[in-house]
Amino acid sequence: MLGLLPAQVINVYLGSTLRSMHDVFHESHLTGYVVFAFQILIGITLMVWVVQKARKELTIAIMAAELGRETISTSSSSSIS
C-alpha cells in the first residue's frame, strides 16, 4: 500500500491542478497551454519512473524469496539424508 503513495500523490496534484486550469487558460492562452503540457509531461514521467522503480524492487524481492526458499529446501534435504 505504501508503494502506491507516490503515484497517488502525483494523480492528486494533477487533479487539483486540472480543476484550476480554467483560470490559467483564460489569463494567457499560450502560457496556460505550455504550463499544462509541462505538468502533464512531468506527471507522466514521474509515474513511469515510480512504476519502473517498483518493478525493480519487486523483482529483487522475488529473487531474494526464491533464493531463501532454495536455501531452506537444500538444507532440509541435506539434513534428511
N, C-alpha and C. Protein backbone atom coordinates (compact mmCIF):
# COMPACT_ATOMS: atom_id res chain seq x y z
N MET A 1 0.82 -1.18 0.00
CA MET A 1 0.00 0.00 0.00
C MET A 1 0.87 1.25 0.00
N LEU A 2 1.95 1.22 0.73
CA LEU A 2 2.83 2.38 0.80
C LEU A 2 3.51 2.63 -0.54
N GLY A 3 3.70 1.58 -1.32
CA GLY A 3 4.35 1.72 -2.62
C GLY A 3 3.50 2.49 -3.63
N LEU A 4 2.19 2.54 -3.41
CA LEU A 4 1.30 3.26 -4.31
C LEU A 4 1.21 4.74 -3.98
N LEU A 5 1.74 5.15 -2.85
CA LEU A 5 1.61 6.52 -2.40
C LEU A 5 2.21 7.55 -3.36
N PRO A 6 3.42 7.37 -3.90
CA PRO A 6 3.95 8.40 -4.80
C PRO A 6 3.09 8.62 -6.04
N ALA A 7 2.62 7.56 -6.66
CA ALA A 7 1.77 7.72 -7.85
C ALA A 7 0.45 8.38 -7.47
N GLN A 8 -0.08 8.04 -6.32
CA GLN A 8 -1.34 8.65 -5.88
C GLN A 8 -1.16 10.15 -5.63
N VAL A 9 -0.05 10.54 -5.05
CA VAL A 9 0.23 11.96 -4.81
C VAL A 9 0.31 12.71 -6.14
N ILE A 10 0.95 12.10 -7.13
CA ILE A 10 1.05 12.73 -8.45
C ILE A 10 -0.35 12.89 -9.05
N ASN A 11 -1.18 11.87 -8.96
CA ASN A 11 -2.53 11.94 -9.50
C ASN A 11 -3.37 13.00 -8.80
N VAL A 12 -3.24 13.11 -7.49
CA VAL A 12 -3.98 14.12 -6.74
C VAL A 12 -3.54 15.51 -7.14
N TYR A 13 -2.23 15.70 -7.29
CA TYR A 13 -1.72 17.01 -7.71
C TYR A 13 -2.26 17.39 -9.09
N LEU A 14 -2.18 16.45 -10.03
CA LEU A 14 -2.69 16.75 -11.38
C LEU A 14 -4.19 17.03 -11.34
N GLY A 15 -4.92 16.28 -10.56
CA GLY A 15 -6.36 16.50 -10.45
C GLY A 15 -6.69 17.85 -9.86
N SER A 16 -5.96 18.27 -8.85
CA SER A 16 -6.23 19.58 -8.27
C SER A 16 -5.79 20.70 -9.21
N THR A 17 -4.76 20.46 -10.01
CA THR A 17 -4.32 21.45 -10.98
C THR A 17 -5.32 21.57 -12.12
N LEU A 18 -5.84 20.44 -12.58
CA LEU A 18 -6.80 20.48 -13.68
C LEU A 18 -8.06 21.24 -13.29
N ARG A 19 -8.43 21.20 -12.05
CA ARG A 19 -9.61 21.91 -11.60
C ARG A 19 -9.40 23.42 -11.71
N SER A 20 -8.17 23.89 -11.49
CA SER A 20 -7.90 25.32 -11.53
C SER A 20 -7.28 25.77 -12.86
N MET A 21 -7.20 24.87 -13.85
CA MET A 21 -6.61 25.23 -15.13
C MET A 21 -7.52 26.19 -15.91
N HIS A 22 -8.78 26.25 -15.58
CA HIS A 22 -9.69 27.16 -16.25
C HIS A 22 -9.17 28.59 -16.09
N ASP A 23 -8.73 28.94 -14.90
CA ASP A 23 -8.20 30.28 -14.67
C ASP A 23 -6.92 30.52 -15.47
N VAL A 24 -6.06 29.52 -15.53
CA VAL A 24 -4.80 29.67 -16.25
C VAL A 24 -5.04 29.85 -17.74
N PHE A 25 -5.96 29.07 -18.30
CA PHE A 25 -6.22 29.15 -19.74
C PHE A 25 -6.81 30.50 -20.14
N HIS A 26 -7.61 31.08 -19.28
CA HIS A 26 -8.26 32.33 -19.64
C HIS A 26 -7.37 33.55 -19.43
N GLU A 27 -6.34 33.43 -18.60
CA GLU A 27 -5.43 34.56 -18.39
C GLU A 27 -4.47 34.70 -19.57
N SER A 28 -3.83 33.63 -19.97
CA SER A 28 -2.87 33.67 -21.06
C SER A 28 -2.95 32.34 -21.80
N HIS A 29 -3.42 32.38 -23.02
CA HIS A 29 -3.68 31.14 -23.76
C HIS A 29 -2.42 30.33 -24.00
N LEU A 30 -1.40 30.91 -24.56
CA LEU A 30 -0.19 30.15 -24.89
C LEU A 30 0.53 29.70 -23.63
N THR A 31 0.69 30.60 -22.69
CA THR A 31 1.38 30.25 -21.44
C THR A 31 0.61 29.17 -20.68
N GLY A 32 -0.68 29.27 -20.65
CA GLY A 32 -1.50 28.27 -19.96
C GLY A 32 -1.35 26.89 -20.55
N TYR A 33 -1.36 26.82 -21.87
CA TYR A 33 -1.19 25.51 -22.53
C TYR A 33 0.21 24.95 -22.32
N VAL A 34 1.21 25.82 -22.32
CA VAL A 34 2.59 25.37 -22.10
C VAL A 34 2.74 24.83 -20.68
N VAL A 35 2.21 25.54 -19.70
CA VAL A 35 2.27 25.09 -18.30
C VAL A 35 1.51 23.78 -18.14
N PHE A 36 0.34 23.69 -18.74
CA PHE A 36 -0.47 22.48 -18.65
C PHE A 36 0.27 21.29 -19.26
N ALA A 37 0.82 21.48 -20.45
CA ALA A 37 1.56 20.40 -21.13
C ALA A 37 2.78 19.98 -20.31
N PHE A 38 3.47 20.95 -19.73
CA PHE A 38 4.65 20.64 -18.92
C PHE A 38 4.27 19.84 -17.69
N GLN A 39 3.19 20.21 -17.03
CA GLN A 39 2.75 19.49 -15.84
C GLN A 39 2.32 18.06 -16.19
N ILE A 40 1.64 17.89 -17.29
CA ILE A 40 1.25 16.54 -17.72
C ILE A 40 2.48 15.71 -18.03
N LEU A 41 3.45 16.31 -18.74
CA LEU A 41 4.68 15.60 -19.07
C LEU A 41 5.44 15.19 -17.81
N ILE A 42 5.57 16.09 -16.87
CA ILE A 42 6.25 15.78 -15.61
C ILE A 42 5.49 14.68 -14.86
N GLY A 43 4.16 14.78 -14.82
CA GLY A 43 3.36 13.77 -14.13
C GLY A 43 3.52 12.39 -14.73
N ILE A 44 3.48 12.31 -16.06
CA ILE A 44 3.65 11.01 -16.73
C ILE A 44 5.05 10.47 -16.50
N THR A 45 6.04 11.35 -16.61
CA THR A 45 7.43 10.93 -16.38
C THR A 45 7.62 10.38 -14.98
N LEU A 46 7.07 11.06 -13.99
CA LEU A 46 7.22 10.60 -12.61
C LEU A 46 6.49 9.28 -12.38
N MET A 47 5.32 9.12 -12.98
CA MET A 47 4.60 7.86 -12.81
C MET A 47 5.35 6.70 -13.46
N VAL A 48 5.93 6.93 -14.64
CA VAL A 48 6.72 5.88 -15.29
C VAL A 48 7.92 5.52 -14.42
N TRP A 49 8.57 6.54 -13.86
CA TRP A 49 9.74 6.30 -13.00
C TRP A 49 9.35 5.50 -11.77
N VAL A 50 8.24 5.87 -11.16
CA VAL A 50 7.79 5.15 -9.95
C VAL A 50 7.47 3.70 -10.28
N VAL A 51 6.82 3.45 -11.41
CA VAL A 51 6.47 2.07 -11.79
C VAL A 51 7.73 1.27 -12.07
N GLN A 52 8.70 1.85 -12.78
CA GLN A 52 9.95 1.14 -13.05
C GLN A 52 10.69 0.83 -11.75
N LYS A 53 10.73 1.77 -10.85
CA LYS A 53 11.40 1.56 -9.56
C LYS A 53 10.70 0.45 -8.78
N ALA A 54 9.37 0.47 -8.78
CA ALA A 54 8.60 -0.55 -8.06
C ALA A 54 8.83 -1.94 -8.67
N ARG A 55 8.85 -2.01 -10.00
CA ARG A 55 9.10 -3.30 -10.65
C ARG A 55 10.48 -3.84 -10.30
N LYS A 56 11.47 -2.96 -10.27
CA LYS A 56 12.83 -3.37 -9.93
C LYS A 56 12.88 -3.91 -8.50
N GLU A 57 12.27 -3.19 -7.57
CA GLU A 57 12.26 -3.63 -6.18
C GLU A 57 11.49 -4.94 -6.02
N LEU A 58 10.40 -5.08 -6.75
CA LEU A 58 9.61 -6.32 -6.68
C LEU A 58 10.41 -7.50 -7.22
N THR A 59 11.12 -7.28 -8.31
CA THR A 59 11.96 -8.35 -8.88
C THR A 59 13.04 -8.76 -7.89
N ILE A 60 13.66 -7.79 -7.25
CA ILE A 60 14.70 -8.09 -6.25
C ILE A 60 14.10 -8.88 -5.08
N ALA A 61 12.91 -8.47 -4.63
CA ALA A 61 12.27 -9.17 -3.52
C ALA A 61 11.89 -10.60 -3.90
N ILE A 62 11.40 -10.79 -5.10
CA ILE A 62 11.04 -12.14 -5.55
C ILE A 62 12.27 -13.01 -5.66
N MET A 63 13.35 -12.47 -6.23
CA MET A 63 14.58 -13.25 -6.34
C MET A 63 15.13 -13.61 -4.97
N ALA A 64 15.06 -12.69 -4.02
CA ALA A 64 15.54 -12.97 -2.67
C ALA A 64 14.69 -14.05 -2.00
N ALA A 65 13.38 -13.99 -2.22
CA ALA A 65 12.50 -15.01 -1.64
C ALA A 65 12.76 -16.37 -2.24
N GLU A 66 12.97 -16.42 -3.56
CA GLU A 66 13.25 -17.71 -4.20
C GLU A 66 14.60 -18.25 -3.75
N LEU A 67 15.57 -17.38 -3.59
CA LEU A 67 16.88 -17.81 -3.11
C LEU A 67 16.77 -18.34 -1.68
N GLY A 68 16.00 -17.67 -0.86
CA GLY A 68 15.80 -18.14 0.51
C GLY A 68 15.08 -19.46 0.54
N ARG A 69 14.13 -19.66 -0.34
CA ARG A 69 13.39 -20.91 -0.41
C ARG A 69 14.30 -22.05 -0.87
N GLU A 70 15.16 -21.75 -1.85
CA GLU A 70 16.09 -22.77 -2.33
C GLU A 70 17.09 -23.15 -1.25
N THR A 71 17.53 -22.16 -0.48
CA THR A 71 18.48 -22.43 0.61
C THR A 71 17.82 -23.29 1.67
N ILE A 72 16.57 -23.01 1.99
CA ILE A 72 15.87 -23.79 3.01
C ILE A 72 15.65 -25.22 2.51
N SER A 73 15.24 -25.37 1.24
CA SER A 73 14.98 -26.72 0.73
C SER A 73 16.28 -27.51 0.60
N THR A 74 17.38 -26.86 0.29
CA THR A 74 18.68 -27.54 0.20
C THR A 74 19.14 -27.99 1.56
N SER A 75 19.00 -27.14 2.56
CA SER A 75 19.43 -27.50 3.90
C SER A 75 18.54 -28.58 4.51
N SER A 76 17.25 -28.55 4.22
CA SER A 76 16.38 -29.58 4.77
C SER A 76 16.57 -30.92 4.06
N SER A 77 16.88 -30.89 2.77
CA SER A 77 17.12 -32.16 2.08
C SER A 77 18.46 -32.77 2.49
N SER A 78 19.44 -31.95 2.82
CA SER A 78 20.72 -32.48 3.28
C SER A 78 20.61 -33.02 4.70
N SER A 79 19.71 -32.46 5.50
CA SER A 79 19.55 -32.97 6.87
C SER A 79 18.76 -34.26 6.86
N ILE A 80 17.93 -34.50 5.83
CA ILE A 80 17.17 -35.74 5.73
C ILE A 80 18.09 -36.89 5.34
N SER A 81 19.07 -36.62 4.49
CA SER A 81 19.97 -37.69 4.01
C SER A 81 20.86 -38.12 5.07
